[in-house]
Protein backbone atom coordinates (compact mmCIF):
# COMPACT_ATOMS: atom_id res chain seq x y z
CA UNK A 1 10.56 13.44 33.32
CA UNK A 2 13.62 13.80 31.09
CA UNK A 3 11.82 16.27 28.80
CA UNK A 4 10.69 18.33 31.74
CA UNK A 5 14.22 18.70 33.12
CA UNK A 6 15.50 19.62 29.65
CA UNK A 7 12.80 22.28 29.42
CA UNK A 8 13.72 23.54 32.87
CA UNK A 9 17.41 23.75 31.92
CA UNK A 10 16.58 25.66 28.74
CA UNK A 11 14.37 28.06 30.69
CA UNK A 12 17.08 28.55 33.30
CA UNK A 13 19.69 29.16 30.61
CA UNK A 14 17.47 31.69 28.84
CA UNK A 15 16.80 33.44 32.14
CA UNK A 16 20.50 33.67 32.94
CA UNK A 17 21.22 35.11 29.49
CA UNK A 18 18.38 37.62 29.90
CA UNK A 19 19.68 38.78 33.28
CA UNK A 20 23.20 39.09 31.86
CA UNK A 21 21.99 41.22 28.95
CA UNK A 22 19.93 43.44 31.26
CA UNK A 23 22.80 43.95 33.68
CA UNK A 24 25.19 44.70 30.83
CA UNK A 25 22.84 47.40 29.55
CA UNK A 26 22.52 48.89 33.04
CA UNK A 27 26.31 48.99 33.45
CA UNK A 28 26.60 50.72 30.07
CA UNK A 29 24.05 53.35 31.11
CA UNK A 30 25.84 53.93 34.40
CA UNK A 31 29.21 54.29 32.69
CA UNK A 32 27.86 56.91 30.31
CA UNK A 33 26.23 58.73 33.21
CA UNK A 34 29.52 58.79 35.13
CA UNK A 35 31.28 60.26 32.08
CA UNK A 36 28.60 62.95 31.78
CA UNK A 37 28.86 63.80 35.48
CA UNK A 38 32.65 64.02 35.29
CA UNK A 39 32.35 66.38 32.33
CA UNK A 40 29.86 68.52 34.24
CA UNK A 41 32.18 68.52 37.27
CA UNK A 42 35.02 69.84 35.12
CA UNK A 43 32.78 72.59 33.74
CA UNK A 44 31.67 73.57 37.25
CA UNK A 45 35.28 73.72 38.45
CA UNK A 46 36.16 75.98 35.54
CA UNK A 47 33.23 78.28 36.28
CA UNK A 48 34.15 78.42 39.97
CA UNK A 49 37.73 79.32 39.11
CA UNK A 50 36.51 82.15 36.88
CA UNK A 51 34.13 83.29 39.60
CA UNK A 52 36.92 83.32 42.18
CA UNK A 53 39.11 85.41 39.87
CA UNK A 54 36.28 87.89 39.37
CA UNK A 55 35.59 88.14 43.09
CA UNK A 56 39.28 88.77 43.79
CA UNK A 57 39.31 91.48 41.15
CA UNK A 58 36.24 93.10 42.72
CA UNK A 59 37.91 92.94 46.14
CA UNK A 60 40.97 94.70 44.74
CA UNK A 61 38.83 97.39 43.13
CA UNK A 62 36.93 97.95 46.36
CA UNK A 63 40.18 98.13 48.31
CA UNK A 64 41.52 100.76 45.88
CA UNK A 65 38.34 102.81 46.27
CA UNK A 66 38.56 102.51 50.06
CA UNK A 67 42.15 103.81 50.12
CA UNK A 68 41.35 106.94 48.12
């Protein structure tokens, strides 16, 4: 009975270590994904700012043409 409980404890310990390693890898993947999404968000904001500037310029050009 003593050997069986030792085996069970070793199995439980190995399982806990395995779960810890798996969860650590998942957290690492999620962190890198968040960084990539934040970078993409910054790029999108920059593109939207440029687009807004271009639209405002077009509106000004159309207003000038409408006045003449």
